[in-house]
PDB file of N, CA and C in Angstrom:
ATOM      1  N   MET A   1       2.364 -37.924   4.496  1.00  0.00           N
ATOM      2  CA  MET A   1       1.467 -37.087   5.022  1.00  0.00           C
ATOM      3  C   MET A   1       1.534 -35.760   3.716  1.00  0.00           C
ATOM      4  N   LEU A   2       0.587 -35.419   3.230  1.00  0.00           N
ATOM      5  CA  LEU A   2       0.317 -34.469   2.678  1.00  0.00           C
ATOM      6  C   LEU A   2       0.061 -32.508   3.270  1.00  0.00           C
ATOM      7  N   LEU A   3       1.602 -32.278   3.533  1.00  0.00           N
ATOM      8  CA  LEU A   3       1.182 -31.158   4.092  1.00  0.00           C
ATOM      9  C   LEU A   3       0.673 -29.599   3.430  1.00  0.00           C
ATOM     10  N   CYS A   4      -0.130 -28.819   3.591  1.00  0.00           N
ATOM     11  CA  CYS A   4      -0.942 -27.918   3.384  1.00  0.00           C
ATOM     12  C   CYS A   4      -0.171 -26.678   3.587  1.00  0.00           C
ATOM     13  N   PRO A   5      -0.072 -25.728   2.148  1.00  0.00           N
ATOM     14  CA  PRO A   5       0.741 -24.317   2.643  1.00  0.00           C
ATOM     15  C   PRO A   5      -0.225 -23.501   3.529  1.00  0.00           C
ATOM     16  N   ARG A   6       0.324 -22.947   4.219  1.00  0.00           N
ATOM     17  CA  ARG A   6      -0.631 -21.679   5.112  1.00  0.00           C
ATOM     18  C   ARG A   6       0.057 -20.466   4.892  1.00  0.00           C
ATOM     19  N   LEU A   7      -1.099 -19.356   5.008  1.00  0.00           N
ATOM     20  CA  LEU A   7      -0.885 -17.966   4.701  1.00  0.00           C
ATOM     21  C   LEU A   7      -0.894 -17.486   5.828  1.00  0.00           C
ATOM     22  N   LEU A   8      -0.335 -16.388   6.419  1.00  0.00           N
ATOM     23  CA  LEU A   8      -0.782 -15.559   7.674  1.00  0.00           C
ATOM     24  C   LEU A   8      -0.453 -13.840   6.843  1.00  0.00           C
ATOM     25  N   LEU A   9      -1.524 -13.303   6.641  1.00  0.00           N
ATOM     26  CA  LEU A   9      -0.891 -11.789   6.058  1.00  0.00           C
ATOM     27  C   LEU A   9      -1.016 -10.877   7.193  1.00  0.00           C
ATOM     28  N   THR A  10      -0.288  -9.910   7.469  1.00  0.00           N
ATOM     29  CA  THR A  10      -0.027  -9.026   8.803  1.00  0.00           C
ATOM     30  C   THR A  10       0.120  -7.680   7.722  1.00  0.00           C
ATOM     31  N   GLY A  11      -0.097  -6.361   8.643  1.00  0.00           N
ATOM     32  CA  GLY A  11       0.396  -5.507   7.794  1.00  0.00           C
ATOM     33  C   GLY A  11      -0.442  -4.005   9.055  1.00  0.00           C
ATOM     34  N   VAL A  12      -0.331  -3.174   8.872  1.00  0.00           N
ATOM     35  CA  VAL A  12      -0.914  -2.098   9.403  1.00  0.00           C
ATOM     36  C   VAL A  12      -2.448  -1.806   8.586  1.00  0.00           C
ATOM     37  N   PRO A  13      -2.902  -1.262   9.615  1.00  0.00           N
ATOM     38  CA  PRO A  13      -4.552  -0.665   9.151  1.00  0.00           C
ATOM     39  C   PRO A  13      -4.634  -0.383   7.923  1.00  0.00           C
ATOM     40  N   ALA A  14      -5.521  -0.512   6.784  1.00  0.00           N
ATOM     41  CA  ALA A  14      -6.088   0.091   5.655  1.00  0.00           C
ATOM     42  C   ALA A  14      -4.648  -0.079   4.383  1.00  0.00           C
ATOM     43  N   VAL A  15      -3.537  -1.220   4.680  1.00  0.00           N
ATOM     44  CA  VAL A  15      -2.812  -1.098   3.762  1.00  0.00           C
ATOM     45  C   VAL A  15      -3.176  -2.240   2.715  1.00  0.00           C
ATOM     46  N   GLY A  16      -4.172  -3.117   2.931  1.00  0.00           N
ATOM     47  CA  GLY A  16      -5.145  -3.790   1.623  1.00  0.00           C
ATOM     48  C   GLY A  16      -4.882  -5.413   1.714  1.00  0.00           C
ATOM     49  N   LYS A  17      -4.749  -5.686   2.982  1.00  0.00           N
ATOM     50  CA  LYS A  17      -4.749  -7.163   3.578  1.00  0.00           C
ATOM     51  C   LYS A  17      -5.753  -7.916   2.996  1.00  0.00           C
ATOM     52  N   THR A  18      -7.025  -7.348   3.485  1.00  0.00           N
ATOM     53  CA  THR A  18      -8.195  -8.112   3.118  1.00  0.00           C
ATOM     54  C   THR A  18      -8.191  -8.209   1.242  1.00  0.00           C
ATOM     55  N   THR A  19      -8.161  -7.056   0.997  1.00  0.00           N
ATOM     56  CA  THR A  19      -8.131  -6.863  -0.723  1.00  0.00           C
ATOM     57  C   THR A  19      -6.822  -8.082  -1.249  1.00  0.00           C
ATOM     58  N   VAL A  20      -5.719  -7.950  -0.921  1.00  0.00           N
ATOM     59  CA  VAL A  20      -4.758  -8.788  -1.418  1.00  0.00           C
ATOM     60  C   VAL A  20      -5.165 -10.658  -1.269  1.00  0.00           C
ATOM     61  N   VAL A  21      -6.059 -10.710  -0.240  1.00  0.00           N
ATOM     62  CA  VAL A  21      -6.459 -12.238   0.285  1.00  0.00           C
ATOM     63  C   VAL A  21      -7.618 -12.581  -0.714  1.00  0.00           C
ATOM     64  N   GLN A  22      -8.541 -11.457  -0.789  1.00  0.00           N
ATOM     65  CA  GLN A  22      -9.651 -11.707  -1.472  1.00  0.00           C
ATOM     66  C   GLN A  22      -9.352 -11.987  -3.461  1.00  0.00           C
ATOM     67  N   GLY A  23      -8.194 -11.346  -3.432  1.00  0.00           N
ATOM     68  CA  GLY A  23      -7.483 -11.411  -4.629  1.00  0.00           C
ATOM     69  C   GLY A  23      -7.110 -12.992  -5.316  1.00  0.00           C
ATOM     70  N   VAL A  24      -6.292 -13.034  -4.071  1.00  0.00           N
ATOM     71  CA  VAL A  24      -5.688 -14.710  -4.074  1.00  0.00           C
ATOM     72  C   VAL A  24      -6.993 -15.813  -3.822  1.00  0.00           C
ATOM     73  N   LEU A  25      -7.706 -15.533  -3.092  1.00  0.00           N
ATOM     74  CA  LEU A  25      -8.896 -16.265  -3.278  1.00  0.00           C
ATOM     75  C   LEU A  25      -9.531 -16.674  -4.313  1.00  0.00           C
ATOM     76  N   ALA A  26      -9.949 -15.683  -5.075  1.00  0.00           N
ATOM     77  CA  ALA A  26     -10.410 -15.586  -6.190  1.00  0.00           C
ATOM     78  C   ALA A  26      -9.719 -16.535  -7.316  1.00  0.00           C
ATOM     79  N   ARG A  27      -8.437 -16.275  -7.226  1.00  0.00           N
ATOM     80  CA  ARG A  27      -7.634 -16.845  -8.294  1.00  0.00           C
ATOM     81  C   ARG A  27      -7.645 -18.573  -7.935  1.00  0.00           C
ATOM     82  N   MET A  28      -7.350 -18.498  -6.721  1.00  0.00           N
ATOM     83  CA  MET A  28      -7.331 -20.245  -6.317  1.00  0.00           C
ATOM     84  C   MET A  28      -8.472 -20.890  -6.793  1.00  0.00           C
ATOM     85  N   ARG A  29      -9.695 -20.135  -6.360  1.00  0.00           N
ATOM     86  CA  ARG A  29     -11.072 -20.916  -6.571  1.00  0.00           C
ATOM     87  C   ARG A  29     -11.127 -20.934  -8.287  1.00  0.00           C
ATOM     88  N   SER A  30     -10.882 -19.899  -8.394  1.00  0.00           N
ATOM     89  CA  SER A  30     -10.827 -20.082 -10.476  1.00  0.00           C
ATOM     90  C   SER A  30     -10.086 -21.334 -10.848  1.00  0.00           C
ATOM     91  N   ALA A  31      -9.280 -21.559 -10.441  1.00  0.00           N
ATOM     92  CA  ALA A  31      -8.432 -22.529 -10.526  1.00  0.00           C
ATOM     93  C   ALA A  31      -8.556 -24.103  -9.945  1.00  0.00           C
ATOM     94  N   ALA A  32      -9.604 -24.035  -9.446  1.00  0.00           N
ATOM     95  CA  ALA A  32     -10.662 -25.168  -8.418  1.00  0.00           C
ATOM     96  C   ALA A  32      -9.572 -25.743  -7.607  1.00  0.00           C
ATOM     97  N   VAL A  33      -8.800 -24.810  -6.822  1.00  0.00           N
ATOM     98  CA  VAL A  33      -8.098 -25.093  -5.538  1.00  0.00           C
ATOM     99  C   VAL A  33      -8.604 -25.205  -4.447  1.00  0.00           C
ATOM    100  N   SER A  34      -8.916 -26.131  -3.596  1.00  0.00           N
ATOM    101  CA  SER A  34      -9.834 -26.227  -2.606  1.00  0.00           C
ATOM    102  C   SER A  34      -9.006 -25.029  -1.393  1.00  0.00           C
ATOM    103  N   VAL A  35      -9.861 -24.435  -0.600  1.00  0.00           N
ATOM    104  CA  VAL A  35      -9.083 -22.995   0.444  1.00  0.00           C
ATOM    105  C   VAL A  35     -10.119 -23.426   1.897  1.00  0.00           C
ATOM    106  N   VAL A  36      -9.646 -23.032   2.653  1.00  0.00           N
ATOM    107  CA  VAL A  36     -10.330 -23.224   4.073  1.00  0.00           C
ATOM    108  C   VAL A  36      -9.826 -21.800   4.490  1.00  0.00           C
ATOM    109  N   GLY A  37     -10.450 -21.406   5.787  1.00  0.00           N
ATOM    110  CA  GLY A  37     -10.144 -20.491   6.627  1.00  0.00           C
ATOM    111  C   GLY A  37     -10.952 -19.375   6.929  1.00  0.00           C
ATOM    112  N   PHE A  38     -10.269 -18.406   7.333  1.00  0.00           N
ATOM    113  CA  PHE A  38     -10.930 -16.888   8.099  1.00  0.00           C
ATOM    114  C   PHE A  38     -10.577 -15.700   7.482  1.00  0.00           C
ATOM    115  N   VAL A  39     -11.237 -14.516   7.278  1.00  0.00           N
ATOM    116  CA  VAL A  39     -10.761 -13.368   7.326  1.00  0.00           C
ATOM    117  C   VAL A  39     -11.661 -12.185   8.297  1.00  0.00           C
ATOM    118  N   THR A  40     -10.789 -11.636   8.952  1.00  0.00           N
ATOM    119  CA  THR A  40     -11.222 -10.256  10.078  1.00  0.00           C
ATOM    120  C   THR A  40     -11.608  -9.123   9.215  1.00  0.00           C
ATOM    121  N   ARG A  41     -12.525  -8.158   9.571  1.00  0.00           N
ATOM    122  CA  ARG A  41     -12.671  -7.410   8.863  1.00  0.00           C
ATOM    123  C   ARG A  41     -12.910  -6.323  10.087  1.00  0.00           C
ATOM    124  N   GLU A  42     -12.871  -5.037   9.912  1.00  0.00           N
ATOM    125  CA  GLU A  42     -13.478  -3.716  10.841  1.00  0.00           C
ATOM    126  C   GLU A  42     -14.894  -3.859  10.645  1.00  0.00           C
ATOM    127  N   LEU A  43     -15.495  -3.664  12.261  1.00  0.00           N
ATOM    128  CA  LEU A  43     -16.955  -3.551  12.559  1.00  0.00           C
ATOM    129  C   LEU A  43     -17.123  -1.824  12.351  1.00  0.00           C
ATOM    130  N   LEU A  44     -17.467  -1.335  11.440  1.00  0.00           N
ATOM    131  CA  LEU A  44     -17.570   0.453  11.554  1.00  0.00           C
ATOM    132  C   LEU A  44     -18.949   0.685  11.843  1.00  0.00           C
ATOM    133  N   GLU A  45     -19.320   1.610  12.910  1.00  0.00           N
ATOM    134  CA  GLU A  45     -20.693   2.305  13.208  1.00  0.00           C
ATOM    135  C   GLU A  45     -19.800   3.942  13.247  1.00  0.00           C
ATOM    136  N   GLY A  46     -20.696   4.564  12.785  1.00  0.00           N
ATOM    137  CA  GLY A  46     -20.693   6.091  12.949  1.00  0.00           C
ATOM    138  C   GLY A  46     -19.349   6.656  12.423  1.00  0.00           C
ATOM    139  N   GLY A  47     -18.885   5.819  11.233  1.00  0.00           N
ATOM    140  CA  GLY A  47     -17.580   6.291  10.635  1.00  0.00           C
ATOM    141  C   GLY A  47     -16.228   5.874  11.548  1.00  0.00           C
ATOM    142  N   GLY A  48     -16.818   5.213  12.559  1.00  0.00           N
ATOM    143  CA  GLY A  48     -15.442   4.533  13.529  1.00  0.00           C
ATOM    144  C   GLY A  48     -15.559   3.357  13.966  1.00  0.00           C
ATOM    145  N   ARG A  49     -14.132   2.512  14.062  1.00  0.00           N
ATOM    146  CA  ARG A  49     -13.962   1.422  14.037  1.00  0.00           C
ATOM    147  C   ARG A  49     -14.394   0.881  15.620  1.00  0.00           C
ATOM    148  N   VAL A  50     -15.562   0.098  15.799  1.00  0.00           N
ATOM    149  CA  VAL A  50     -15.827  -0.237  16.663  1.00  0.00           C
ATOM    150  C   VAL A  50     -15.403  -1.685  17.210  1.00  0.00           C
ATOM    151  N   GLY A  51     -15.102  -2.515  16.530  1.00  0.00           N
ATOM    152  CA  GLY A  51     -14.759  -4.117  16.728  1.00  0.00           C
ATOM    153  C   GLY A  51     -14.419  -4.401  15.575  1.00  0.00           C
ATOM    154  N   PHE A  52     -14.293  -5.959  15.716  1.00  0.00           N
ATOM    155  CA  PHE A  52     -14.013  -6.817  14.275  1.00  0.00           C
ATOM    156  C   PHE A  52     -14.990  -7.998  14.101  1.00  0.00           C
ATOM    157  N   VAL A  53     -14.992  -8.052  12.920  1.00  0.00           N
ATOM    158  CA  VAL A  53     -15.835  -9.461  12.625  1.00  0.00           C
ATOM    159  C   VAL A  53     -14.813 -10.359  12.174  1.00  0.00           C
ATOM    160  N   ILE A  54     -15.062 -11.659  12.310  1.00  0.00           N
ATOM    161  CA  ILE A  54     -14.714 -12.809  11.734  1.00  0.00           C
ATOM    162  C   ILE A  54     -15.425 -13.507  10.893  1.00  0.00           C
ATOM    163  N   GLU A  55     -14.815 -13.731   9.718  1.00  0.00           N
ATOM    164  CA  GLU A  55     -15.891 -14.668   8.747  1.00  0.00           C
ATOM    165  C   GLU A  55     -15.107 -15.795   8.207  1.00  0.00           C
ATOM    166  N   SER A  56     -16.067 -16.970   8.035  1.00  0.00           N
ATOM    167  CA  SER A  56     -15.225 -18.100   7.727  1.00  0.00           C
ATOM    168  C   SER A  56     -15.388 -18.270   6.436  1.00  0.00           C
ATOM    169  N   LEU A  57     -14.322 -18.434   5.588  1.00  0.00           N
ATOM    170  CA  LEU A  57     -14.541 -18.510   4.121  1.00  0.00           C
ATOM    171  C   LEU A  57     -15.780 -19.160   3.332  1.00  0.00           C
ATOM    172  N   ASP A  58     -16.106 -19.947   3.933  1.00  0.00           N
ATOM    173  CA  ASP A  58     -17.713 -20.844   3.582  1.00  0.00           C
ATOM    174  C   ASP A  58     -18.828 -20.079   4.080  1.00  0.00           C
ATOM    175  N   GLY A  59     -18.737 -18.977   4.576  1.00  0.00           N
ATOM    176  CA  GLY A  59     -19.949 -18.127   5.027  1.00  0.00           C
ATOM    177  C   GLY A  59     -20.240 -17.666   6.600  1.00  0.00           C
ATOM    178  N   PRO A  60     -20.169 -18.582   7.618  1.00  0.00           N
ATOM    179  CA  PRO A  60     -20.578 -18.157   9.003  1.00  0.00           C
ATOM    180  C   PRO A  60     -19.834 -17.186   9.351  1.00  0.00           C
ATOM    181  N   ARG A  61     -20.346 -15.968  10.100  1.00  0.00           N
ATOM    182  CA  ARG A  61     -19.306 -14.838  10.571  1.00  0.00           C
ATOM    183  C   ARG A  61     -20.013 -14.676  11.981  1.00  0.00           C
ATOM    184  N   ALA A  62     -19.044 -13.736  13.016  1.00  0.00           N
ATOM    185  CA  ALA A  62     -19.431 -13.526  14.036  1.00  0.00           C
ATOM    186  C   ALA A  62     -18.561 -12.440  14.667  1.00  0.00           C
ATOM    187  N   VAL A  63     -19.191 -11.811  15.428  1.00  0.00           N
ATOM    188  CA  VAL A  63     -17.927 -10.500  15.938  1.00  0.00           C
ATOM    189  C   VAL A  63     -17.378 -11.188  17.014  1.00  0.00           C
ATOM    190  N   LEU A  64     -15.591 -10.616  16.621  1.00  0.00           N
ATOM    191  CA  LEU A  64     -14.816 -11.220  17.239  1.00  0.00           C
ATOM    192  C   LEU A  64     -14.296 -10.537  18.425  1.00  0.00           C
ATOM    193  N   ALA A  65     -14.795  -9.161  18.442  1.00  0.00           N
ATOM    194  CA  ALA A  65     -14.012  -8.111  19.266  1.00  0.00           C
ATOM    195  C   ALA A  65     -15.131  -6.853  19.056  1.00  0.00           C
ATOM    196  N   HIS A  66     -15.325  -6.320  20.158  1.00  0.00           N
ATOM    197  CA  HIS A  66     -16.208  -5.157  20.293  1.00  0.00           C
ATOM    198  C   HIS A  66     -16.106  -4.115  21.490  1.00  0.00           C
ATOM    199  N   VAL A  67     -15.990  -2.841  21.240  1.00  0.00           N
ATOM    200  CA  VAL A  67     -15.481  -1.988  22.008  1.00  0.00           C
ATOM    201  C   VAL A  67     -16.746  -1.811  23.743  1.00  0.00           C
ATOM    202  N   ASP A  68     -17.930  -2.627  23.393  1.00  0.00           N
ATOM    203  CA  ASP A  68     -19.036  -3.005  24.506  1.00  0.00           C
ATOM    204  C   ASP A  68     -18.803  -3.899  25.079  1.00  0.00           C
ATOM    205  N   TYR A  69     -17.907  -4.935  24.835  1.00  0.00           N
ATOM    206  CA  TYR A  69     -17.585  -6.330  25.398  1.00  0.00           C
ATOM    207  C   TYR A  69     -16.646  -5.825  27.228  1.00  0.00           C
ATOM    208  N   LEU A  70     -17.850  -6.484  27.628  1.00  0.00           N
ATOM    209  CA  LEU A  70     -17.102  -6.140  28.899  1.00  0.00           C
ATOM    210  C   LEU A  70     -15.960  -7.366  29.448  1.00  0.00           C
ATOM    211  N   THR A  71     -16.068  -8.265  29.107  1.00  0.00           N
ATOM    212  CA  THR A  71     -15.078  -9.568  29.013  1.00  0.00           C
ATOM    213  C   THR A  71     -14.727 -10.121  27.720  1.00  0.00           C
ATOM    214  N   GLY A  72     -13.496 -10.931  27.916  1.00  0.00           N
ATOM    215  CA  GLY A  72     -13.156 -11.240  26.591  1.00  0.00           C
ATOM    216  C   GLY A  72     -12.477 -10.149  25.295  1.00  0.00           C
ATOM    217  N   PRO A  73     -12.248 -10.585  24.388  1.00  0.00           N
ATOM    218  CA  PRO A  73     -11.527  -9.801  23.265  1.00  0.00           C
ATOM    219  C   PRO A  73     -12.264  -8.513  23.209  1.00  0.00           C
ATOM    220  N   GLN A  74     -11.261  -7.388  23.603  1.00  0.00           N
ATOM    221  CA  GLN A  74     -11.994  -5.736  23.702  1.00  0.00           C
ATOM    222  C   GLN A  74     -11.036  -4.846  22.449  1.00  0.00           C
ATOM    223  N   VAL A  75     -11.616  -4.041  21.947  1.00  0.00           N
ATOM    224  CA  VAL A  75     -11.365  -3.245  21.420  1.00  0.00           C
ATOM    225  C   VAL A  75     -10.767  -2.043  22.056  1.00  0.00           C
ATOM    226  N   VAL A  76      -9.557  -1.335  22.267  1.00  0.00           N
ATOM    227  CA  VAL A  76      -9.587  -0.171  22.936  1.00  0.00           C
ATOM    228  C   VAL A  76      -8.731   1.064  21.701  1.00  0.00           C
ATOM    229  N   ASP A  77      -8.788   2.072  22.227  1.00  0.00           N
ATOM    230  CA  ASP A  77      -8.513   3.305  21.634  1.00  0.00           C
ATOM    231  C   ASP A  77      -7.339   3.178  20.673  1.00  0.00           C
ATOM    232  N   THR A  78      -6.747   2.233  21.115  1.00  0.00           N
ATOM    233  CA  THR A  78      -5.337   2.418  20.044  1.00  0.00           C
ATOM    234  C   THR A  78      -5.573   0.794  19.196  1.00  0.00           C
ATOM    235  N   GLY A  79      -6.715   0.358  18.985  1.00  0.00           N
ATOM    236  CA  GLY A  79      -7.319  -0.622  17.898  1.00  0.00           C
ATOM    237  C   GLY A  79      -6.902  -1.847  18.523  1.00  0.00           C
ATOM    238  N   TRP A  80      -5.976  -2.289  19.558  1.00  0.00           N
ATOM    239  CA  TRP A  80      -5.433  -3.727  19.639  1.00  0.00           C
ATOM    240  C   TRP A  80      -6.693  -4.092  20.390  1.00  0.00           C
ATOM    241  N   MET A  81      -6.543  -5.446  20.254  1.00  0.00           N
ATOM    242  CA  MET A  81      -7.669  -6.059  21.005  1.00  0.00           C
ATOM    243  C   MET A  81      -6.985  -6.844  22.531  1.00  0.00           C
ATOM    244  N   TRP A  82      -7.492  -6.907  23.855  1.00  0.00           N
ATOM    245  CA  TRP A  82      -6.970  -7.266  24.834  1.00  0.00           C
ATOM    246  C   TRP A  82      -7.709  -8.028  25.687  1.00  0.00           C
ATOM    247  N   ARG A  83      -7.910  -8.562  26.691  1.00  0.00           N
ATOM    248  CA  ARG A  83      -8.206  -9.439  27.711  1.00  0.00           C
ATOM    249  C   ARG A  83      -8.454  -8.986  28.981  1.00  0.00           C
ATOM    250  N   ARG A  84      -9.300  -8.832  29.514  1.00  0.00           N
ATOM    251  CA  ARG A  84      -9.354  -8.118  31.142  1.00  0.00           C
ATOM    252  C   ARG A  84      -8.631  -9.552  32.123  1.00  0.00           C
ATOM    253  N   SER A  85      -7.506  -9.578  31.979  1.00  0.00           N
ATOM    254  CA  SER A  85      -7.241 -10.708  32.577  1.00  0.00           C
ATOM    255  C   SER A  85      -5.859 -10.775  33.206  1.00  0.00           C
ATOM    256  N   SER A  86      -5.129 -11.420  34.393  1.00  0.00           N
ATOM    257  CA  SER A  86      -3.655 -10.948  34.411  1.00  0.00           C
ATOM    258  C   SER A  86      -2.756 -11.694  33.723  1.00  0.00           C
ATOM    259  N   ARG A  87      -3.421 -12.592  32.660  1.00  0.00           N
ATOM    260  CA  ARG A  87      -2.572 -13.453  31.967  1.00  0.00           C
ATOM    261  C   ARG A  87      -2.046 -12.589  30.617  1.00  0.00           C
ATOM    262  N   TRP A  88      -3.003 -11.279  30.265  1.00  0.00           N
ATOM    263  CA  TRP A  88      -2.995 -10.276  29.224  1.00  0.00           C
ATOM    264  C   TRP A  88      -3.057  -9.277  29.472  1.00  0.00           C
ATOM    265  N   ARG A  89      -1.438  -8.690  29.090  1.00  0.00           N
ATOM    266  CA  ARG A  89      -1.689  -7.259  29.794  1.00  0.00           C
ATOM    267  C   ARG A  89      -1.389  -6.752  28.452  1.00  0.00           C
ATOM    268  N   CYS A  90      -1.193  -5.201  27.970  1.00  0.00           N
ATOM    269  CA  CYS A  90      -0.836  -4.228  27.037  1.00  0.00           C
ATOM    270  C   CYS A  90       0.134  -3.632  27.544  1.00  0.00           C
TER     271      CYS A  90
END
């Protein structure tokens, strides 16, 4: 079985994680390396973060979390996503 390398990049907000991933993807694609996966980006309105968008590397995108969501993943003032459930507590 062929194992494919996986990469999870974490860091504090605005440190350049997405920029690094975009650079790595560009180099891999220019070398004809097949890549799959997704990135998340901030959703900004009025100069502030109100949520996150998830984007597949092949194009589709959707809102992952938003301050206006009443259920499911939400964005709170600390910027952490949480779920209103007894299983998920911050």
